[in-house]
């Protein structure tokens, strides 16, 4: 029997998201989630934990952490002067953000198409990105209510940036980010996408 020791007071029991079922069952958990004792998988992958798990194979990774629990004013105050400037510029340019419900199949299907265009536009790293977005996994995560999808839209209603986030409890992290970057784009267009990304 697998024994999990997670030194995190925010631990929550979760069903997990299956990434493989045969010949062994692999389930994924985020931010202190742990498997249900009566439904332990053969392999549990615990993502974004603050500490190593005793007796497990751990992989160290570093990230930036931002506190988003305050007001919009509080959050803006944490950002650099340059980032605040770009967000305000995006708003002046008529760029808006939309939050989408990934439980609707059309939302993830549209994102997958957008991702395909994003990959095609990045010739230098196409072989790395073309692992695909694993649409089936995103669908499972949406069904488990741990997925958020948002996008930035230009003044004429065209989606220009997508962010897909994993959200559980009081934690969130970006899982996918894509924008319609083109090597042939004018510098002003690249700046425009940069503002949209900062706003989103």
C-alpha atoms as a PDB file:
ATOM      1  CA  UNK A   1       0.000   0.000   0.000  1.00  0.00           C
ATOM      2  CA  UNK A   2       1.268   3.436  -0.908  1.00  0.00           C
ATOM      3  CA  UNK A   3       1.895   5.781   1.995  1.00  0.00           C
ATOM      4  CA  UNK A   4       1.873   9.507   1.316  1.00  0.00           C
ATOM      5  CA  UNK A   5       3.349  11.983   3.729  1.00  0.00           C
ATOM      6  CA  UNK A   6       2.557  15.500   2.608  1.00  0.00           C
ATOM      7  CA  UNK A   7       3.657  18.216   5.042  1.00  0.00           C
ATOM      8  CA  UNK A   8       0.989  20.697   4.018  1.00  0.00           C
ATOM      9  CA  UNK A   9      -1.868  21.898   6.223  1.00  0.00           C
ATOM     10  CA  UNK A  10      -3.953  22.623   3.112  1.00  0.00           C
ATOM     11  CA  UNK A  11      -4.052  18.959   2.083  1.00  0.00           C
ATOM     12  CA  UNK A  12      -7.341  17.878   0.545  1.00  0.00           C
ATOM     13  CA  UNK A  13      -8.585  14.444  -0.463  1.00  0.00           C
ATOM     14  CA  UNK A  14      -9.251  14.245  -4.199  1.00  0.00           C
ATOM     15  CA  UNK A  15     -10.243  11.692  -6.809  1.00  0.00           C
ATOM     16  CA  UNK A  16      -7.336  12.729  -9.022  1.00  0.00           C
ATOM     17  CA  UNK A  17      -7.173  13.022 -12.786  1.00  0.00           C
ATOM     18  CA  UNK A  18      -6.269   9.852 -14.654  1.00  0.00           C
ATOM     19  CA  UNK A  19      -3.550  10.196 -17.291  1.00  0.00           C
ATOM     20  CA  UNK A  20      -3.132   6.464 -17.865  1.00  0.00           C
ATOM     21  CA  UNK A  21      -5.246   3.470 -16.952  1.00  0.00           C
ATOM     22  CA  UNK A  22      -3.544   0.466 -18.498  1.00  0.00           C
ATOM     23  CA  UNK A  23      -1.453  -1.518 -17.640  1.00  0.00           C
ATOM     24  CA  UNK A  24      -1.103   0.638 -14.508  1.00  0.00           C
ATOM     25  CA  UNK A  25      -3.321   3.457 -13.296  1.00  0.00           C
ATOM     26  CA  UNK A  26      -1.624   6.848 -13.042  1.00  0.00           C
ATOM     27  CA  UNK A  27      -3.457   9.737 -11.415  1.00  0.00           C
ATOM     28  CA  UNK A  28      -2.425  13.369 -11.080  1.00  0.00           C
ATOM     29  CA  UNK A  29      -2.943  15.630  -8.053  1.00  0.00           C
ATOM     30  CA  UNK A  30      -2.124  19.318  -7.530  1.00  0.00           C
ATOM     31  CA  UNK A  31      -1.303  21.704  -4.672  1.00  0.00           C
ATOM     32  CA  UNK A  32      -1.508  19.306  -1.732  1.00  0.00           C
ATOM     33  CA  UNK A  33      -4.295  17.085  -2.991  1.00  0.00           C
ATOM     34  CA  UNK A  34      -3.858  13.442  -2.068  1.00  0.00           C
ATOM     35  CA  UNK A  35      -5.529  10.222  -3.220  1.00  0.00           C
ATOM     36  CA  UNK A  36      -8.653   8.813  -1.672  1.00  0.00           C
ATOM     37  CA  UNK A  37      -7.557   5.879   0.479  1.00  0.00           C
ATOM     38  CA  UNK A  38     -10.197   3.585  -1.012  1.00  0.00           C
ATOM     39  CA  UNK A  39      -9.172   4.453  -4.591  1.00  0.00           C
ATOM     40  CA  UNK A  40      -5.379   4.524  -4.512  1.00  0.00           C
ATOM     41  CA  UNK A  41      -3.786   4.504  -7.981  1.00  0.00           C
ATOM     42  CA  UNK A  42      -0.764   2.420  -8.888  1.00  0.00           C
ATOM     43  CA  UNK A  43       1.174   5.663  -9.362  1.00  0.00           C
ATOM     44  CA  UNK A  44       0.272   9.067  -7.925  1.00  0.00           C
ATOM     45  CA  UNK A  45       1.874  12.163  -9.404  1.00  0.00           C
ATOM     46  CA  UNK A  46       1.710  15.059  -6.941  1.00  0.00           C
ATOM     47  CA  UNK A  47       2.333  18.394  -8.660  1.00  0.00           C
ATOM     48  CA  UNK A  48       3.373  21.766  -7.190  1.00  0.00           C
ATOM     49  CA  UNK A  49       3.958  20.722  -3.593  1.00  0.00           C
ATOM     50  CA  UNK A  50       5.887  23.088  -1.298  1.00  0.00           C
ATOM     51  CA  UNK A  51       8.014  20.272   0.152  1.00  0.00           C
ATOM     52  CA  UNK A  52       9.384  16.884  -0.989  1.00  0.00           C
ATOM     53  CA  UNK A  53       7.317  13.794  -0.204  1.00  0.00           C
ATOM     54  CA  UNK A  54       9.158  11.304   2.009  1.00  0.00           C
ATOM     55  CA  UNK A  55       9.880   8.005   0.285  1.00  0.00           C
ATOM     56  CA  UNK A  56       8.843   9.262  -3.152  1.00  0.00           C
ATOM     57  CA  UNK A  57      10.752  10.226  -6.279  1.00  0.00           C
ATOM     58  CA  UNK A  58      10.817  14.018  -6.129  1.00  0.00           C
ATOM     59  CA  UNK A  59      11.669  16.490  -8.875  1.00  0.00           C
ATOM     60  CA  UNK A  60      12.635  19.990  -7.800  1.00  0.00           C
ATOM     61  CA  UNK A  61      11.210  22.926  -9.720  1.00  0.00           C
ATOM     62  CA  UNK A  62      11.102  26.646  -9.023  1.00  0.00           C
ATOM     63  CA  UNK A  63       8.457  29.216  -9.802  1.00  0.00           C
ATOM     64  CA  UNK A  64       7.328  32.705  -8.880  1.00  0.00           C
ATOM     65  CA  UNK A  65       4.498  33.002  -6.370  1.00  0.00           C
ATOM     66  CA  UNK A  66       2.012  35.865  -6.312  1.00  0.00           C
ATOM     67  CA  UNK A  67      -0.651  36.559  -3.698  1.00  0.00           C
ATOM     68  CA  UNK A  68      -3.928  37.177  -5.532  1.00  0.00           C
ATOM     69  CA  UNK A  69      -6.152  37.272  -2.456  1.00  0.00           C
ATOM     70  CA  UNK A  70      -6.378  41.057  -2.201  1.00  0.00           C
ATOM     71  CA  UNK A  71      -8.301  43.658  -4.167  1.00  0.00           C
ATOM     72  CA  UNK A  72      -7.410  44.662  -7.719  1.00  0.00           C
ATOM     73  CA  UNK A  73      -5.565  47.636  -6.228  1.00  0.00           C
ATOM     74  CA  UNK A  74      -3.568  45.371  -3.887  1.00  0.00           C
ATOM     75  CA  UNK A  75      -2.618  43.056  -6.742  1.00  0.00           C
ATOM     76  CA  UNK A  76      -1.610  45.918  -9.036  1.00  0.00           C
ATOM     77  CA  UNK A  77       0.607  47.304  -6.261  1.00  0.00           C
ATOM     78  CA  UNK A  78       2.601  44.042  -6.249  1.00  0.00           C
ATOM     79  CA  UNK A  79       3.389  44.312  -9.945  1.00  0.00           C
ATOM     80  CA  UNK A  80       6.357  46.108 -11.418  1.00  0.00           C
ATOM     81  CA  UNK A  81       5.927  49.617 -12.787  1.00  0.00           C
ATOM     82  CA  UNK A  82       6.477  48.314 -16.331  1.00  0.00           C
ATOM     83  CA  UNK A  83       3.794  45.617 -15.967  1.00  0.00           C
ATOM     84  CA  UNK A  84       1.258  48.119 -14.611  1.00  0.00           C
ATOM     85  CA  UNK A  85       2.050  50.398 -17.530  1.00  0.00           C
ATOM     86  CA  UNK A  86       1.464  47.611 -20.053  1.00  0.00           C
ATOM     87  CA  UNK A  87      -1.838  46.586 -18.440  1.00  0.00           C
ATOM     88  CA  UNK A  88      -3.127  50.138 -18.604  1.00  0.00           C
ATOM     89  CA  UNK A  89      -1.991  50.383 -22.226  1.00  0.00           C
ATOM     90  CA  UNK A  90      -3.896  47.189 -23.051  1.00  0.00           C
ATOM     91  CA  UNK A  91      -7.047  48.668 -21.547  1.00  0.00           C
ATOM     92  CA  UNK A  92      -6.603  51.892 -23.530  1.00  0.00           C
ATOM     93  CA  UNK A  93      -6.202  49.822 -26.713  1.00  0.00           C
ATOM     94  CA  UNK A  94      -9.582  48.180 -26.093  1.00  0.00           C
ATOM     95  CA  UNK A  95      -8.198  44.759 -25.168  1.00  0.00           C
ATOM     96  CA  UNK A  96     -10.489  42.895 -22.789  1.00  0.00           C
ATOM     97  CA  UNK A  97     -10.327  39.564 -20.987  1.00  0.00           C
ATOM     98  CA  UNK A  98     -12.912  36.795 -20.980  1.00  0.00           C
ATOM     99  CA  UNK A  99     -13.326  33.889 -18.596  1.00  0.00           C
ATOM    100  CA  UNK A 100     -14.657  30.758 -20.297  1.00  0.00           C
ATOM    101  CA  UNK A 101     -16.238  27.597 -18.903  1.00  0.00           C
ATOM    102  CA  UNK A 102     -14.069  24.637 -20.020  1.00  0.00           C
ATOM    103  CA  UNK A 103     -16.890  22.200 -19.298  1.00  0.00           C
ATOM    104  CA  UNK A 104     -18.410  23.268 -22.610  1.00  0.00           C
ATOM    105  CA  UNK A 105     -16.688  21.160 -25.317  1.00  0.00           C
ATOM    106  CA  UNK A 106     -16.512  24.113 -27.716  1.00  0.00           C
ATOM    107  CA  UNK A 107     -14.242  26.049 -25.331  1.00  0.00           C
ATOM    108  CA  UNK A 108     -11.456  23.452 -25.267  1.00  0.00           C
ATOM    109  CA  UNK A 109     -11.918  22.625 -28.943  1.00  0.00           C
ATOM    110  CA  UNK A 110     -11.439  26.283 -29.855  1.00  0.00           C
ATOM    111  CA  UNK A 111      -8.385  26.470 -27.612  1.00  0.00           C
ATOM    112  CA  UNK A 112      -6.896  23.363 -29.247  1.00  0.00           C
ATOM    113  CA  UNK A 113      -7.311  24.991 -32.674  1.00  0.00           C
ATOM    114  CA  UNK A 114      -5.741  28.204 -31.370  1.00  0.00           C
ATOM    115  CA  UNK A 115      -2.848  26.177 -29.909  1.00  0.00           C
ATOM    116  CA  UNK A 116      -2.303  24.561 -33.306  1.00  0.00           C
ATOM    117  CA  UNK A 117      -1.978  28.003 -34.908  1.00  0.00           C
ATOM    118  CA  UNK A 118       0.377  29.057 -32.100  1.00  0.00           C
ATOM    119  CA  UNK A 119       2.622  26.034 -32.708  1.00  0.00           C
ATOM    120  CA  UNK A 120       2.725  26.696 -36.448  1.00  0.00           C
ATOM    121  CA  UNK A 121       3.769  30.300 -35.804  1.00  0.00           C
ATOM    122  CA  UNK A 122       6.768  29.270 -33.662  1.00  0.00           C
ATOM    123  CA  UNK A 123       9.026  27.564 -36.182  1.00  0.00           C
ATOM    124  CA  UNK A 124      12.085  27.648 -33.915  1.00  0.00           C
ATOM    125  CA  UNK A 125      10.446  25.524 -31.186  1.00  0.00           C
ATOM    126  CA  UNK A 126       7.733  23.753 -33.178  1.00  0.00           C
ATOM    127  CA  UNK A 127       9.115  20.267 -32.438  1.00  0.00           C
ATOM    128  CA  UNK A 128       9.007  20.991 -28.698  1.00  0.00           C
ATOM    129  CA  UNK A 129       5.516  22.508 -28.669  1.00  0.00           C
ATOM    130  CA  UNK A 130       4.036  19.931 -31.013  1.00  0.00           C
ATOM    131  CA  UNK A 131       3.566  17.475 -28.197  1.00  0.00           C
ATOM    132  CA  UNK A 132      -0.038  18.749 -28.486  1.00  0.00           C
ATOM    133  CA  UNK A 133      -2.165  20.180 -25.728  1.00  0.00           C
ATOM    134  CA  UNK A 134      -3.392  16.687 -24.792  1.00  0.00           C
ATOM    135  CA  UNK A 135      -7.010  17.661 -25.265  1.00  0.00           C
ATOM    136  CA  UNK A 136      -8.239  14.487 -23.568  1.00  0.00           C
ATOM    137  CA  UNK A 137      -6.364  15.456 -20.388  1.00  0.00           C
ATOM    138  CA  UNK A 138      -7.765  18.988 -20.437  1.00  0.00           C
ATOM    139  CA  UNK A 139     -11.252  17.528 -20.779  1.00  0.00           C
ATOM    140  CA  UNK A 140     -10.684  15.286 -17.754  1.00  0.00           C
ATOM    141  CA  UNK A 141      -9.333  18.209 -15.738  1.00  0.00           C
ATOM    142  CA  UNK A 142     -12.343  20.324 -16.700  1.00  0.00           C
ATOM    143  CA  UNK A 143     -14.657  17.525 -15.609  1.00  0.00           C
ATOM    144  CA  UNK A 144     -12.805  17.424 -12.278  1.00  0.00           C
ATOM    145  CA  UNK A 145     -13.413  21.206 -11.913  1.00  0.00           C
ATOM    146  CA  UNK A 146      -9.728  22.111 -11.645  1.00  0.00           C
ATOM    147  CA  UNK A 147      -9.364  23.881 -14.993  1.00  0.00           C
ATOM    148  CA  UNK A 148      -9.871  27.552 -15.834  1.00  0.00           C
ATOM    149  CA  UNK A 149      -9.692  29.053 -19.317  1.00  0.00           C
ATOM    150  CA  UNK A 150      -9.387  32.746 -20.070  1.00  0.00           C
ATOM    151  CA  UNK A 151      -8.487  34.713 -23.149  1.00  0.00           C
ATOM    152  CA  UNK A 152      -7.617  38.224 -24.184  1.00  0.00           C
ATOM    153  CA  UNK A 153      -9.695  39.654 -27.002  1.00  0.00           C
ATOM    154  CA  UNK A 154      -8.796  42.563 -29.262  1.00  0.00           C
ATOM    155  CA  UNK A 155     -11.039  45.584 -29.775  1.00  0.00           C
ATOM    156  CA  UNK A 156     -12.703  43.855 -32.758  1.00  0.00           C
ATOM    157  CA  UNK A 157     -13.525  40.677 -30.820  1.00  0.00           C
ATOM    158  CA  UNK A 158     -10.653  38.528 -32.119  1.00  0.00           C
ATOM    159  CA  UNK A 159      -9.089  36.140 -29.546  1.00  0.00           C
ATOM    160  CA  UNK A 160      -5.355  36.904 -29.405  1.00  0.00           C
ATOM    161  CA  UNK A 161      -4.097  35.228 -26.212  1.00  0.00           C
ATOM    162  CA  UNK A 162      -5.242  32.176 -24.247  1.00  0.00           C
ATOM    163  CA  UNK A 163      -4.289  31.127 -20.728  1.00  0.00           C
ATOM    164  CA  UNK A 164      -5.281  27.720 -19.355  1.00  0.00           C
ATOM    165  CA  UNK A 165      -4.817  27.375 -15.596  1.00  0.00           C
ATOM    166  CA  UNK A 166      -4.977  24.581 -13.066  1.00  0.00           C
ATOM    167  CA  UNK A 167      -6.911  25.747  -9.998  1.00  0.00           C
ATOM    168  CA  UNK A 168      -7.418  23.816  -6.775  1.00  0.00           C
ATOM    169  CA  UNK A 169      -8.235  25.155  -3.336  1.00  0.00           C
ATOM    170  CA  UNK A 170      -6.449  28.480  -2.949  1.00  0.00           C
ATOM    171  CA  UNK A 171      -3.736  27.797  -5.518  1.00  0.00           C
ATOM    172  CA  UNK A 172      -3.506  28.268  -9.266  1.00  0.00           C
ATOM    173  CA  UNK A 173      -0.828  27.972 -11.929  1.00  0.00           C
ATOM    174  CA  UNK A 174      -0.624  28.514 -15.665  1.00  0.00           C
ATOM    175  CA  UNK A 175      -0.747  25.209 -17.535  1.00  0.00           C
ATOM    176  CA  UNK A 176      -0.776  26.513 -21.120  1.00  0.00           C
ATOM    177  CA  UNK A 177      -0.254  29.955 -22.603  1.00  0.00           C
ATOM    178  CA  UNK A 178      -0.575  30.727 -26.300  1.00  0.00           C
ATOM    179  CA  UNK A 179      -0.690  33.840 -28.444  1.00  0.00           C
ATOM    180  CA  UNK A 180      -0.855  34.377 -32.191  1.00  0.00           C
ATOM    181  CA  UNK A 181       2.736  35.437 -32.587  1.00  0.00           C
ATOM    182  CA  UNK A 182       4.099  35.744 -36.090  1.00  0.00           C
ATOM    183  CA  UNK A 183       7.762  36.147 -36.990  1.00  0.00           C
ATOM    184  CA  UNK A 184       6.683  38.514 -39.744  1.00  0.00           C
ATOM    185  CA  UNK A 185       4.710  40.699 -37.370  1.00  0.00           C
ATOM    186  CA  UNK A 186       5.512  44.339 -37.056  1.00  0.00           C
ATOM    187  CA  UNK A 187       7.078  45.359 -33.736  1.00  0.00           C
ATOM    188  CA  UNK A 188       3.896  47.279 -32.892  1.00  0.00           C
ATOM    189  CA  UNK A 189       1.872  44.060 -33.257  1.00  0.00           C
ATOM    190  CA  UNK A 190       4.276  42.234 -30.968  1.00  0.00           C
ATOM    191  CA  UNK A 191       3.910  44.984 -28.395  1.00  0.00           C
ATOM    192  CA  UNK A 192       0.128  44.643 -28.725  1.00  0.00           C
ATOM    193  CA  UNK A 193       0.330  40.921 -27.898  1.00  0.00           C
ATOM    194  CA  UNK A 194       2.651  41.711 -25.000  1.00  0.00           C
ATOM    195  CA  UNK A 195       0.102  44.122 -23.534  1.00  0.00           C
ATOM    196  CA  UNK A 196      -2.639  41.512 -23.964  1.00  0.00           C
ATOM    197  CA  UNK A 197      -0.566  38.886 -22.155  1.00  0.00           C
ATOM    198  CA  UNK A 198       0.114  41.219 -19.251  1.00  0.00           C
ATOM    199  CA  UNK A 199      -3.555  42.129 -18.951  1.00  0.00           C
ATOM    200  CA  UNK A 200      -4.617  38.487 -19.005  1.00  0.00           C
END
